[in-house]
Amino acid sequence: MIKYCGKKENQIPANPSISFTLDACATTTSVSYRKLEKPTSEFSFDFIFEGKPKEGFKQKITTFLQRIEKYLPFIKEFHFSIETSNSFPHSSGIASSASGMSALALCLMQIEREAIPDMTTDFFNKKASFLARLGSGSACRSIEGDIVQWGSQHDINGSSDLYGIKYPYTVHEVFKNYHDTILLVDKGQKQISSTVGHDLMHNHPFAENRFAQAHENLTKLKTVFDEGNLSEFIKIVESEALTLHAMMMTSLPYFILMKPKTLEIITKIWAFRASSKTNVCFTLDAGANVHVLYPEKEQAMVYQFIKNELVAYCENGQYICDRIGFGAKKL
């Protein structure tokens, strides 16, 4: 809802962010391990993605393990077999790195927990979020749910640049069971990686104002969540989505991540919201796909609109129906 856009050294965010955790869009990861005869200078692991070896992902995992070794010093003593799969397309702007890295961090933390059985759930989740951040910044928000905030914010107690926290203040009933239908406009790999996108914020002419805007919008959301003010929620969420893409379009080099169908969907949503008096709105990740957000009480009407008018813009008519989730589960 408030976009993470720009980072400093050690995966520290340039601005705070806040997100809904989803339920159906998920990564399932298992890690099996065996003790090596002697520790090695390299990390020892196999990686299987959706049933097949995926060499292209191994460097990212190696970098992650290098970053977390000082916090989990046992990892060079074992060989790990990592198997993972997504219920949604990867590398298309639907936070696959976030869910993937958080799932892997949780598996590694579970190994540590077996050695420290009295570890509290609070410590477990906080350290898992801290480690996940070192793999993918947004991953620190994927450990728990239903609303998670990350990044230091003066008026949110307990907020930190180092890990995500469950949003600690009152949230109106209207935001419970919120729906998110993801329209898969383009299932292909996104034009630029998240890391490249964040790097574009260095020396960006509008960066400082953008970071200040994120702080201001997060403060505004406090009242919005408390009062259940959907019209203000829509203004903030849609503005944040468009600002994210505006920052990409005004960087050097510059990128347009939306597709013509993305814009057509947005226009249709605006027209339907005005005519139906519903509270449907959109948000965007760093890609062409559109997240259609709407409260539970409007589900029937909005879903009919999606089927009648928006599915035609999806690649092969594909979309994902999801809603707010409550964090990772041990299977």
C-alpha atoms as a PDB file:
ATOM      1  CA  MET A   1       0.000   0.000   0.000  1.00  0.00           C
ATOM      2  CA  ILE A   2       2.908   2.328   0.796  1.00  0.00           C
ATOM      3  CA  LYS A   3       5.637   1.444  -1.683  1.00  0.00           C
ATOM      4  CA  TYR A   4       9.201   0.509  -0.771  1.00  0.00           C
ATOM      5  CA  CYS A   5      11.219   2.289  -3.446  1.00  0.00           C
ATOM      6  CA  GLY A   6      14.937   2.823  -2.897  1.00  0.00           C
ATOM      7  CA  LYS A   7      17.406   1.275  -0.474  1.00  0.00           C
ATOM      8  CA  LYS A   8      20.676   1.945   1.271  1.00  0.00           C
ATOM      9  CA  GLU A   9      23.511  -0.432   2.154  1.00  0.00           C
ATOM     10  CA  ASN A  10      22.637  -3.727   3.854  1.00  0.00           C
ATOM     11  CA  GLN A  11      19.081  -3.766   2.543  1.00  0.00           C
ATOM     12  CA  ILE A  12      18.035  -0.739   4.598  1.00  0.00           C
ATOM     13  CA  PRO A  13      14.962   0.949   3.101  1.00  0.00           C
ATOM     14  CA  ALA A  14      15.071   4.563   1.978  1.00  0.00           C
ATOM     15  CA  ASN A  15      11.469   4.959   3.142  1.00  0.00           C
ATOM     16  CA  PRO A  16       8.979   3.016   5.282  1.00  0.00           C
ATOM     17  CA  SER A  17       6.358   0.780   3.681  1.00  0.00           C
ATOM     18  CA  ILE A  18       3.241  -1.165   4.628  1.00  0.00           C
ATOM     19  CA  SER A  19       1.478  -4.066   2.963  1.00  0.00           C
ATOM     20  CA  PHE A  20      -1.347  -6.555   3.134  1.00  0.00           C
ATOM     21  CA  THR A  21      -0.131 -10.153   3.361  1.00  0.00           C
ATOM     22  CA  LEU A  22      -1.934 -12.363   0.846  1.00  0.00           C
ATOM     23  CA  ASP A  23      -3.295 -15.864   1.354  1.00  0.00           C
ATOM     24  CA  ALA A  24      -3.517 -17.800  -1.942  1.00  0.00           C
ATOM     25  CA  CYS A  25      -0.430 -16.280  -3.610  1.00  0.00           C
ATOM     26  CA  ALA A  26       2.189 -18.233  -1.738  1.00  0.00           C
ATOM     27  CA  THR A  27       5.547 -19.947  -1.940  1.00  0.00           C
ATOM     28  CA  THR A  28       5.951 -23.463  -0.554  1.00  0.00           C
ATOM     29  CA  THR A  29       9.524 -24.288   0.432  1.00  0.00           C
ATOM     30  CA  SER A  30      11.114 -27.303   2.077  1.00  0.00           C
ATOM     31  CA  VAL A  31      14.715 -27.605   3.220  1.00  0.00           C
ATOM     32  CA  SER A  32      16.287 -30.943   4.046  1.00  0.00           C
ATOM     33  CA  TYR A  33      19.828 -31.034   5.358  1.00  0.00           C
ATOM     34  CA  ARG A  34      22.680 -33.310   6.296  1.00  0.00           C
ATOM     35  CA  LYS A  35      25.844 -32.654   8.274  1.00  0.00           C
ATOM     36  CA  LEU A  36      28.977 -32.360   6.157  1.00  0.00           C
ATOM     37  CA  GLU A  37      32.025 -34.412   7.116  1.00  0.00           C
ATOM     38  CA  LYS A  38      33.789 -31.095   7.620  1.00  0.00           C
ATOM     39  CA  PRO A  39      32.751 -27.441   7.120  1.00  0.00           C
ATOM     40  CA  THR A  40      33.574 -26.013   3.699  1.00  0.00           C
ATOM     41  CA  SER A  41      34.672 -22.589   2.550  1.00  0.00           C
ATOM     42  CA  GLU A  42      31.690 -22.498   0.177  1.00  0.00           C
ATOM     43  CA  PHE A  43      27.984 -22.957   0.785  1.00  0.00           C
ATOM     44  CA  SER A  44      26.738 -26.427  -0.094  1.00  0.00           C
ATOM     45  CA  PHE A  45      23.196 -26.649  -1.458  1.00  0.00           C
ATOM     46  CA  ASP A  46      20.998 -27.929  -4.265  1.00  0.00           C
ATOM     47  CA  PHE A  47      18.107 -25.837  -5.515  1.00  0.00           C
ATOM     48  CA  ILE A  48      14.972 -27.199  -7.164  1.00  0.00           C
ATOM     49  CA  PHE A  49      12.311 -24.789  -8.422  1.00  0.00           C
ATOM     50  CA  GLU A  50       8.944 -26.275  -9.353  1.00  0.00           C
ATOM     51  CA  GLY A  51      10.449 -29.718  -9.750  1.00  0.00           C
ATOM     52  CA  LYS A  52      13.501 -28.769 -11.819  1.00  0.00           C
ATOM     53  CA  PRO A  53      17.006 -27.485 -11.061  1.00  0.00           C
ATOM     54  CA  LYS A  54      17.148 -23.709 -11.511  1.00  0.00           C
ATOM     55  CA  GLU A  55      20.757 -22.637 -11.858  1.00  0.00           C
ATOM     56  CA  GLY A  56      19.790 -19.015 -12.536  1.00  0.00           C
ATOM     57  CA  PHE A  57      18.500 -18.618  -8.964  1.00  0.00           C
ATOM     58  CA  LYS A  58      21.529 -20.147  -7.234  1.00  0.00           C
ATOM     59  CA  GLN A  59      23.623 -16.973  -7.207  1.00  0.00           C
ATOM     60  CA  LYS A  60      20.853 -15.065  -5.460  1.00  0.00           C
ATOM     61  CA  ILE A  61      20.663 -17.753  -2.779  1.00  0.00           C
ATOM     62  CA  THR A  62      24.455 -17.767  -2.403  1.00  0.00           C
ATOM     63  CA  THR A  63      24.407 -13.994  -1.874  1.00  0.00           C
ATOM     64  CA  PHE A  64      21.660 -14.428   0.708  1.00  0.00           C
ATOM     65  CA  LEU A  65      23.631 -17.102   2.570  1.00  0.00           C
ATOM     66  CA  GLN A  66      26.739 -14.898   2.550  1.00  0.00           C
ATOM     67  CA  ARG A  67      24.745 -12.091   4.151  1.00  0.00           C
ATOM     68  CA  ILE A  68      23.174 -14.224   6.877  1.00  0.00           C
ATOM     69  CA  GLU A  69      26.132 -16.438   7.783  1.00  0.00           C
ATOM     70  CA  LYS A  70      27.170 -14.251  10.717  1.00  0.00           C
ATOM     71  CA  TYR A  71      23.648 -14.634  12.175  1.00  0.00           C
ATOM     72  CA  LEU A  72      23.340 -18.386  11.450  1.00  0.00           C
ATOM     73  CA  PRO A  73      26.981 -19.541  11.712  1.00  0.00           C
ATOM     74  CA  PHE A  74      26.061 -23.232  11.371  1.00  0.00           C
ATOM     75  CA  ILE A  75      25.050 -23.018   7.706  1.00  0.00           C
ATOM     76  CA  LYS A  76      28.488 -23.967   6.337  1.00  0.00           C
ATOM     77  CA  GLU A  77      28.384 -27.160   8.385  1.00  0.00           C
ATOM     78  CA  PHE A  78      25.506 -28.629   6.353  1.00  0.00           C
ATOM     79  CA  HIS A  79      24.458 -29.498   2.828  1.00  0.00           C
ATOM     80  CA  PHE A  80      20.960 -28.171   2.113  1.00  0.00           C
ATOM     81  CA  SER A  81      18.453 -29.447  -0.424  1.00  0.00           C
ATOM     82  CA  ILE A  82      16.061 -26.590  -1.132  1.00  0.00           C
ATOM     83  CA  GLU A  83      12.826 -27.297  -2.986  1.00  0.00           C
ATOM     84  CA  THR A  84      10.405 -24.492  -3.706  1.00  0.00           C
ATOM     85  CA  SER A  85       7.373 -23.660  -5.823  1.00  0.00           C
ATOM     86  CA  ASN A  86       4.971 -20.757  -6.276  1.00  0.00           C
ATOM     87  CA  SER A  87       1.223 -20.672  -6.746  1.00  0.00           C
ATOM     88  CA  PHE A  88       1.694 -17.663  -9.037  1.00  0.00           C
ATOM     89  CA  PRO A  89       4.092 -16.582 -11.842  1.00  0.00           C
ATOM     90  CA  HIS A  90       7.591 -15.664 -10.675  1.00  0.00           C
ATOM     91  CA  SER A  91       9.600 -12.595 -11.751  1.00  0.00           C
ATOM     92  CA  SER A  92       6.486 -10.834 -13.054  1.00  0.00           C
ATOM     93  CA  GLY A  93       6.054  -8.228 -10.331  1.00  0.00           C
ATOM     94  CA  ILE A  94       3.982 -10.199  -7.802  1.00  0.00           C
ATOM     95  CA  ALA A  95       6.627 -10.315  -5.059  1.00  0.00           C
ATOM     96  CA  SER A  96       7.955 -13.804  -5.779  1.00  0.00           C
ATOM     97  CA  SER A  97      11.357 -12.895  -4.313  1.00  0.00           C
ATOM     98  CA  ALA A  98       9.644 -11.630  -1.166  1.00  0.00           C
ATOM     99  CA  SER A  99       7.686 -14.810  -0.550  1.00  0.00           C
ATOM    100  CA  GLY A 100      10.558 -17.043  -1.649  1.00  0.00           C
ATOM    101  CA  MET A 101      13.189 -15.474   0.577  1.00  0.00           C
ATOM    102  CA  SER A 102      10.858 -15.291   3.560  1.00  0.00           C
ATOM    103  CA  ALA A 103      10.004 -18.991   3.182  1.00  0.00           C
ATOM    104  CA  LEU A 104      13.698 -19.906   2.995  1.00  0.00           C
ATOM    105  CA  ALA A 105      14.509 -17.726   6.018  1.00  0.00           C
ATOM    106  CA  LEU A 106      11.744 -19.462   7.981  1.00  0.00           C
ATOM    107  CA  CYS A 107      13.100 -22.911   7.096  1.00  0.00           C
ATOM    108  CA  LEU A 108      16.600 -21.946   8.247  1.00  0.00           C
ATOM    109  CA  MET A 109      15.216 -20.429  11.431  1.00  0.00           C
ATOM    110  CA  GLN A 110      13.331 -23.666  12.100  1.00  0.00           C
ATOM    111  CA  ILE A 111      16.678 -25.514  12.015  1.00  0.00           C
ATOM    112  CA  GLU A 112      18.055 -23.072  14.585  1.00  0.00           C
ATOM    113  CA  ARG A 113      14.914 -23.461  16.662  1.00  0.00           C
ATOM    114  CA  GLU A 114      15.456 -27.226  16.858  1.00  0.00           C
ATOM    115  CA  ALA A 115      18.762 -26.482  18.594  1.00  0.00           C
ATOM    116  CA  ILE A 116      17.156 -23.827  20.828  1.00  0.00           C
ATOM    117  CA  PRO A 117      13.721 -25.277  21.703  1.00  0.00           C
ATOM    118  CA  ASP A 118      12.839 -22.528  24.193  1.00  0.00           C
ATOM    119  CA  MET A 119      13.072 -19.823  21.513  1.00  0.00           C
ATOM    120  CA  THR A 120       9.987 -17.603  21.738  1.00  0.00           C
ATOM    121  CA  THR A 121       7.653 -17.119  18.786  1.00  0.00           C
ATOM    122  CA  ASP A 122       8.222 -13.375  18.918  1.00  0.00           C
ATOM    123  CA  PHE A 123      12.012 -13.795  18.666  1.00  0.00           C
ATOM    124  CA  PHE A 124      11.603 -16.442  15.934  1.00  0.00           C
ATOM    125  CA  ASN A 125       9.424 -14.178  13.781  1.00  0.00           C
ATOM    126  CA  LYS A 126      11.549 -11.092  14.352  1.00  0.00           C
ATOM    127  CA  LYS A 127      14.796 -12.848  13.458  1.00  0.00           C
ATOM    128  CA  ALA A 128      13.169 -14.566  10.450  1.00  0.00           C
ATOM    129  CA  SER A 129      12.005 -11.149   9.219  1.00  0.00           C
ATOM    130  CA  PHE A 130      15.482  -9.698   9.826  1.00  0.00           C
ATOM    131  CA  LEU A 131      17.126 -12.516   7.837  1.00  0.00           C
ATOM    132  CA  ALA A 132      14.524 -12.455   5.046  1.00  0.00           C
ATOM    133  CA  ARG A 133      15.219  -8.745   4.530  1.00  0.00           C
ATOM    134  CA  LEU A 134      18.817  -9.605   3.645  1.00  0.00           C
ATOM    135  CA  GLY A 135      17.560 -11.729   0.762  1.00  0.00           C
ATOM    136  CA  SER A 136      14.825  -9.382  -0.475  1.00  0.00           C
ATOM    137  CA  GLY A 137      13.755  -6.234   1.334  1.00  0.00           C
ATOM    138  CA  SER A 138      10.036  -6.882   0.916  1.00  0.00           C
ATOM    139  CA  ALA A 139      10.501 -10.411   2.253  1.00  0.00           C
ATOM    140  CA  CYS A 140      10.642  -9.032   5.794  1.00  0.00           C
ATOM    141  CA  ARG A 141       6.937  -8.170   5.419  1.00  0.00           C
ATOM    142  CA  SER A 142       6.014 -11.717   4.321  1.00  0.00           C
ATOM    143  CA  ILE A 143       6.582 -13.552   7.618  1.00  0.00           C
ATOM    144  CA  GLU A 144       3.388 -12.471   9.358  1.00  0.00           C
ATOM    145  CA  GLY A 145       0.065 -10.838   8.511  1.00  0.00           C
ATOM    146  CA  ASP A 146      -2.433  -9.431   8.045  1.00  0.00           C
ATOM    147  CA  ILE A 147      -0.919  -5.924   7.794  1.00  0.00           C
ATOM    148  CA  VAL A 148       2.840  -5.555   8.168  1.00  0.00           C
ATOM    149  CA  GLN A 149       4.885  -2.369   8.373  1.00  0.00           C
ATOM    150  CA  TRP A 150       8.615  -2.057   7.716  1.00  0.00           C
ATOM    151  CA  GLY A 151      10.921   0.900   8.086  1.00  0.00           C
ATOM    152  CA  SER A 152      11.494   3.440  10.815  1.00  0.00           C
ATOM    153  CA  GLN A 153       8.466   5.737  11.247  1.00  0.00           C
ATOM    154  CA  HIS A 154       8.298   8.246  14.096  1.00  0.00           C
ATOM    155  CA  ASP A 155       4.647   7.620  14.959  1.00  0.00           C
ATOM    156  CA  ILE A 156       4.631   3.796  14.775  1.00  0.00           C
ATOM    157  CA  ASN A 157       5.893   2.185  17.970  1.00  0.00           C
ATOM    158  CA  GLY A 158       8.414  -0.587  17.411  1.00  0.00           C
ATOM    159  CA  SER A 159       8.984   0.200  13.738  1.00  0.00           C
ATOM    160  CA  SER A 160      12.445  -0.609  12.458  1.00  0.00           C
ATOM    161  CA  ASP A 161      14.542  -0.553   9.303  1.00  0.00           C
ATOM    162  CA  LEU A 162      15.808  -4.027  10.231  1.00  0.00           C
ATOM    163  CA  TYR A 163      12.597  -6.084  10.209  1.00  0.00           C
ATOM    164  CA  GLY A 164       8.867  -5.872   9.643  1.00  0.00           C
ATOM    165  CA  ILE A 165       6.311  -5.675  12.448  1.00  0.00           C
ATOM    166  CA  LYS A 166       2.622  -6.495  12.632  1.00  0.00           C
ATOM    167  CA  TYR A 167       0.796  -3.188  12.358  1.00  0.00           C
ATOM    168  CA  PRO A 168       0.298  -2.282  16.042  1.00  0.00           C
ATOM    169  CA  TYR A 169      -2.738   0.033  15.932  1.00  0.00           C
ATOM    170  CA  THR A 170      -6.478  -0.241  15.512  1.00  0.00           C
ATOM    171  CA  VAL A 171      -7.718  -1.458  12.137  1.00  0.00           C
ATOM    172  CA  HIS A 172     -11.396  -0.990  11.283  1.00  0.00           C
ATOM    173  CA  GLU A 173     -13.505  -4.063  10.539  1.00  0.00           C
ATOM    174  CA  VAL A 174     -13.947  -3.005   6.890  1.00  0.00           C
ATOM    175  CA  PHE A 175     -10.280  -3.833   6.230  1.00  0.00           C
ATOM    176  CA  LYS A 176     -10.687  -7.399   7.505  1.00  0.00           C
ATOM    177  CA  ASN A 177     -11.007 -10.037   4.765  1.00  0.00           C
ATOM    178  CA  TYR A 178     -10.113  -7.458   2.127  1.00  0.00           C
ATOM    179  CA  HIS A 179      -9.986  -8.956  -1.379  1.00  0.00           C
ATOM    180  CA  ASP A 180      -7.247  -8.696  -3.997  1.00  0.00           C
ATOM    181  CA  THR A 181      -7.901 -10.013  -7.501  1.00  0.00           C
ATOM    182  CA  ILE A 182      -4.639  -9.978  -9.461  1.00  0.00           C
ATOM    183  CA  LEU A 183      -5.076  -9.433 -13.197  1.00  0.00           C
ATOM    184  CA  LEU A 184      -2.207 -11.087 -15.053  1.00  0.00           C
ATOM    185  CA  VAL A 185      -1.736  -8.605 -17.861  1.00  0.00           C
ATOM    186  CA  ASP A 186       1.777  -9.832 -18.571  1.00  0.00           C
ATOM    187  CA  LYS A 187       3.057 -13.089 -17.045  1.00  0.00           C
ATOM    188  CA  GLY A 188       6.521 -12.675 -18.555  1.00  0.00           C
ATOM    189  CA  GLN A 189       9.629 -11.636 -16.657  1.00  0.00           C
ATOM    190  CA  LYS A 190       9.498  -7.992 -15.686  1.00  0.00           C
ATOM    191  CA  GLN A 191      11.582  -5.488 -17.613  1.00  0.00           C
ATOM    192  CA  ILE A 192      13.953  -4.634 -14.758  1.00  0.00           C
ATOM    193  CA  SER A 193      14.878  -6.413 -11.548  1.00  0.00           C
ATOM    194  CA  SER A 194      13.822  -4.994  -8.207  1.00  0.00           C
ATOM    195  CA  THR A 195      17.470  -4.309  -7.339  1.00  0.00           C
ATOM    196  CA  VAL A 196      17.960  -2.233 -10.493  1.00  0.00           C
ATOM    197  CA  GLY A 197      14.722  -0.386  -9.752  1.00  0.00           C
ATOM    198  CA  HIS A 198      15.849   0.500  -6.243  1.00  0.00           C
ATOM    199  CA  ASP A 199      19.247   1.642  -7.519  1.00  0.00           C
ATOM    200  CA  LEU A 200      17.536   4.120  -9.849  1.00  0.00           C
ATOM    201  CA  MET A 201      16.513   6.112  -6.778  1.00  0.00           C
ATOM    202  CA  HIS A 202      20.140   7.087  -6.104  1.00  0.00           C
ATOM    203  CA  ASN A 203      20.515  10.665  -7.361  1.00  0.00           C
ATOM    204  CA  HIS A 204      16.947  10.640  -8.686  1.00  0.00           C
ATOM    205  CA  PRO A 205      15.820  14.295  -8.879  1.00  0.00           C
ATOM    206  CA  PHE A 206      12.543  13.548  -7.066  1.00  0.00           C
ATOM    207  CA  ALA A 207      13.797  10.950  -4.576  1.00  0.00           C
ATOM    208  CA  GLU A 208      13.839  13.020  -1.381  1.00  0.00           C
ATOM    209  CA  ASN A 209      10.313  14.305  -1.965  1.00  0.00           C
ATOM    210  CA  ARG A 210       9.167  10.770  -2.707  1.00  0.00           C
ATOM    211  CA  PHE A 211      10.651   9.460   0.550  1.00  0.00           C
ATOM    212  CA  ALA A 212       8.954  12.277   2.482  1.00  0.00           C
ATOM    213  CA  GLN A 213       5.657  11.485   0.736  1.00  0.00           C
ATOM    214  CA  ALA A 214       5.859   7.858   1.912  1.00  0.00           C
ATOM    215  CA  HIS A 215       6.242   8.985   5.542  1.00  0.00           C
ATOM    216  CA  GLU A 216       3.291  11.373   5.180  1.00  0.00           C
ATOM    217  CA  ASN A 217       1.054   8.737   3.587  1.00  0.00           C
ATOM    218  CA  LEU A 218       1.908   6.207   6.290  1.00  0.00           C
ATOM    219  CA  THR A 219       0.867   8.733   8.937  1.00  0.00           C
ATOM    220  CA  LYS A 220      -2.398   9.388   7.047  1.00  0.00           C
ATOM    221  CA  LEU A 221      -3.117   5.647   6.929  1.00  0.00           C
ATOM    222  CA  LYS A 222      -3.171   5.560  10.724  1.00  0.00           C
ATOM    223  CA  THR A 223      -6.383   7.582  10.772  1.00  0.00           C
ATOM    224  CA  VAL A 224      -7.742   5.784   7.695  1.00  0.00           C
ATOM    225  CA  PHE A 225      -7.312   2.359   9.304  1.00  0.00           C
ATOM    226  CA  ASP A 226      -8.782   3.553  12.588  1.00  0.00           C
ATOM    227  CA  GLU A 227     -11.877   5.152  11.045  1.00  0.00           C
ATOM    228  CA  GLY A 228     -12.404   2.776   8.114  1.00  0.00           C
ATOM    229  CA  ASN A 229     -12.241   5.692   5.686  1.00  0.00           C
ATOM    230  CA  LEU A 230     -12.307   3.902   2.329  1.00  0.00           C
ATOM    231  CA  SER A 231     -12.313   7.012   0.138  1.00  0.00           C
ATOM    232  CA  GLU A 232      -9.061   8.220   1.729  1.00  0.00           C
ATOM    233  CA  PHE A 233      -7.636   4.691   1.574  1.00  0.00           C
ATOM    234  CA  ILE A 234      -8.269   4.656  -2.184  1.00  0.00           C
ATOM    235  CA  LYS A 235      -6.571   8.029  -2.691  1.00  0.00           C
ATOM    236  CA  ILE A 236      -3.441   6.934  -0.840  1.00  0.00           C
ATOM    237  CA  VAL A 237      -3.160   3.454  -2.370  1.00  0.00           C
ATOM    238  CA  GLU A 238      -3.719   4.544  -5.973  1.00  0.00           C
ATOM    239  CA  SER A 239      -1.447   7.570  -5.602  1.00  0.00           C
ATOM    240  CA  GLU A 240       1.309   5.360  -4.196  1.00  0.00           C
ATOM    241  CA  ALA A 241       0.988   2.924  -7.117  1.00  0.00           C
ATOM    242  CA  LEU A 242       1.170   5.676  -9.724  1.00  0.00           C
ATOM    243  CA  THR A 243       4.040   7.399  -7.905  1.00  0.00           C
ATOM    244  CA  LEU A 244       6.069   4.176  -7.988  1.00  0.00           C
ATOM    245  CA  HIS A 245       5.691   4.017 -11.766  1.00  0.00           C
ATOM    246  CA  ALA A 246       6.265   7.749 -12.158  1.00  0.00           C
ATOM    247  CA  MET A 247       9.608   7.349 -10.382  1.00  0.00           C
ATOM    248  CA  MET A 248      10.573   4.623 -12.874  1.00  0.00           C
ATOM    249  CA  MET A 249       9.521   6.802 -15.811  1.00  0.00           C
ATOM    250  CA  THR A 250      11.532   9.799 -14.603  1.00  0.00           C
ATOM    251  CA  SER A 251      14.757   7.977 -13.721  1.00  0.00           C
ATOM    252  CA  LEU A 252      17.881   7.625 -15.850  1.00  0.00           C
ATOM    253  CA  PRO A 253      17.721   5.160 -17.491  1.00  0.00           C
ATOM    254  CA  TYR A 254      13.920   5.348 -17.608  1.00  0.00           C
ATOM    255  CA  PHE A 255      11.394   2.539 -17.861  1.00  0.00           C
ATOM    256  CA  ILE A 256       7.695   2.172 -18.566  1.00  0.00           C
ATOM    257  CA  LEU A 257       6.570  -0.956 -16.747  1.00  0.00           C
ATOM    258  CA  MET A 258       2.855  -0.590 -17.451  1.00  0.00           C
ATOM    259  CA  LYS A 259       1.347  -1.955 -20.667  1.00  0.00           C
ATOM    260  CA  PRO A 260      -1.489  -0.364 -22.674  1.00  0.00           C
ATOM    261  CA  LYS A 261      -3.879  -2.912 -21.138  1.00  0.00           C
ATOM    262  CA  THR A 262      -2.771  -1.822 -17.647  1.00  0.00           C
ATOM    263  CA  LEU A 263      -3.968   1.701 -18.384  1.00  0.00           C
ATOM    264  CA  GLU A 264      -7.212   0.455 -19.905  1.00  0.00           C
ATOM    265  CA  ILE A 265      -7.923  -1.571 -16.757  1.00  0.00           C
ATOM    266  CA  ILE A 266      -7.256   1.459 -14.536  1.00  0.00           C
ATOM    267  CA  THR A 267      -9.609   3.592 -16.625  1.00  0.00           C
ATOM    268  CA  LYS A 268     -12.322   0.901 -16.398  1.00  0.00           C
ATOM    269  CA  ILE A 269     -11.911   0.694 -12.604  1.00  0.00           C
ATOM    270  CA  TRP A 270     -12.288   4.455 -12.236  1.00  0.00           C
ATOM    271  CA  ALA A 271     -15.435   4.495 -14.386  1.00  0.00           C
ATOM    272  CA  PHE A 272     -16.996   1.553 -12.546  1.00  0.00           C
ATOM    273  CA  ARG A 273     -16.206   3.031  -9.129  1.00  0.00           C
ATOM    274  CA  ALA A 274     -17.944   6.279 -10.100  1.00  0.00           C
ATOM    275  CA  SER A 275     -21.031   4.580 -11.540  1.00  0.00           C
ATOM    276  CA  SER A 276     -21.441   1.823  -8.925  1.00  0.00           C
ATOM    277  CA  LYS A 277     -20.494   3.886  -5.835  1.00  0.00           C
ATOM    278  CA  THR A 278     -18.354   0.950  -4.713  1.00  0.00           C
ATOM    279  CA  ASN A 279     -14.898   1.239  -3.135  1.00  0.00           C
ATOM    280  CA  VAL A 280     -12.950  -0.813  -5.650  1.00  0.00           C
ATOM    281  CA  CYS A 281      -9.440   0.473  -6.345  1.00  0.00           C
ATOM    282  CA  PHE A 282      -6.159  -0.703  -7.824  1.00  0.00           C
ATOM    283  CA  THR A 283      -2.545  -0.960  -6.905  1.00  0.00           C
ATOM    284  CA  LEU A 284       0.504  -1.937  -8.948  1.00  0.00           C
ATOM    285  CA  ASP A 285       3.779  -3.627  -8.186  1.00  0.00           C
ATOM    286  CA  ALA A 286       6.850  -3.067 -10.352  1.00  0.00           C
ATOM    287  CA  GLY A 287       5.219  -4.551 -13.434  1.00  0.00           C
ATOM    288  CA  ALA A 288       2.173  -4.499 -15.682  1.00  0.00           C
ATOM    289  CA  ASN A 289      -0.157  -6.643 -13.570  1.00  0.00           C
ATOM    290  CA  VAL A 290      -2.997  -4.966 -11.694  1.00  0.00           C
ATOM    291  CA  HIS A 291      -4.136  -5.738  -8.147  1.00  0.00           C
ATOM    292  CA  VAL A 292      -7.859  -4.981  -7.807  1.00  0.00           C
ATOM    293  CA  LEU A 293      -8.650  -4.262  -4.139  1.00  0.00           C
ATOM    294  CA  TYR A 294     -12.130  -4.230  -2.634  1.00  0.00           C
ATOM    295  CA  PRO A 295     -13.841  -4.869   0.730  1.00  0.00           C
ATOM    296  CA  GLU A 296     -15.604  -8.116   1.554  1.00  0.00           C
ATOM    297  CA  LYS A 297     -19.075  -6.525   1.541  1.00  0.00           C
ATOM    298  CA  GLU A 298     -18.673  -5.515  -2.131  1.00  0.00           C
ATOM    299  CA  GLN A 299     -17.224  -8.817  -3.296  1.00  0.00           C
ATOM    300  CA  ALA A 300     -20.181 -10.020  -5.389  1.00  0.00           C
ATOM    301  CA  MET A 301     -20.643  -6.792  -7.345  1.00  0.00           C
ATOM    302  CA  VAL A 302     -16.952  -6.146  -7.961  1.00  0.00           C
ATOM    303  CA  TYR A 303     -16.180  -9.732  -8.923  1.00  0.00           C
ATOM    304  CA  GLN A 304     -18.958  -9.641 -11.516  1.00  0.00           C
ATOM    305  CA  PHE A 305     -17.442  -6.439 -12.927  1.00  0.00           C
ATOM    306  CA  ILE A 306     -14.029  -8.094 -13.073  1.00  0.00           C
ATOM    307  CA  LYS A 307     -15.402 -11.086 -14.988  1.00  0.00           C
ATOM    308  CA  ASN A 308     -17.518  -8.958 -17.319  1.00  0.00           C
ATOM    309  CA  GLU A 309     -15.063  -6.177 -18.130  1.00  0.00           C
ATOM    310  CA  LEU A 310     -11.507  -6.796 -16.929  1.00  0.00           C
ATOM    311  CA  VAL A 311     -10.644 -10.442 -17.582  1.00  0.00           C
ATOM    312  CA  ALA A 312     -10.550  -9.698 -21.314  1.00  0.00           C
ATOM    313  CA  TYR A 313      -7.383  -7.654 -20.708  1.00  0.00           C
ATOM    314  CA  CYS A 314      -5.551 -10.540 -18.983  1.00  0.00           C
ATOM    315  CA  GLU A 315      -3.004 -12.715 -20.751  1.00  0.00           C
ATOM    316  CA  ASN A 316      -4.922 -15.872 -21.752  1.00  0.00           C
ATOM    317  CA  GLY A 317      -7.762 -14.658 -19.524  1.00  0.00           C
ATOM    318  CA  GLN A 318      -5.765 -15.518 -16.392  1.00  0.00           C
ATOM    319  CA  TYR A 319      -6.241 -13.900 -13.014  1.00  0.00           C
ATOM    320  CA  ILE A 320      -5.853 -14.864  -9.360  1.00  0.00           C
ATOM    321  CA  CYS A 321      -8.525 -14.362  -6.702  1.00  0.00           C
ATOM    322  CA  ASP A 322      -6.950 -13.697  -3.336  1.00  0.00           C
ATOM    323  CA  ARG A 323      -7.625 -12.028  -0.015  1.00  0.00           C
ATOM    324  CA  ILE A 324      -5.763 -10.965   3.086  1.00  0.00           C
ATOM    325  CA  GLY A 325      -3.742 -13.726   4.724  1.00  0.00           C
ATOM    326  CA  PHE A 326      -2.238 -14.094   8.169  1.00  0.00           C
ATOM    327  CA  GLY A 327       1.338 -15.037   7.480  1.00  0.00           C
ATOM    328  CA  ALA A 328       3.474 -18.091   6.880  1.00  0.00           C
ATOM    329  CA  LYS A 329       2.435 -21.556   8.032  1.00  0.00           C
ATOM    330  CA  LYS A 330       4.574 -24.539   8.919  1.00  0.00           C
ATOM    331  CA  LEU A 331       3.279 -27.471   6.891  1.00  0.00           C
END
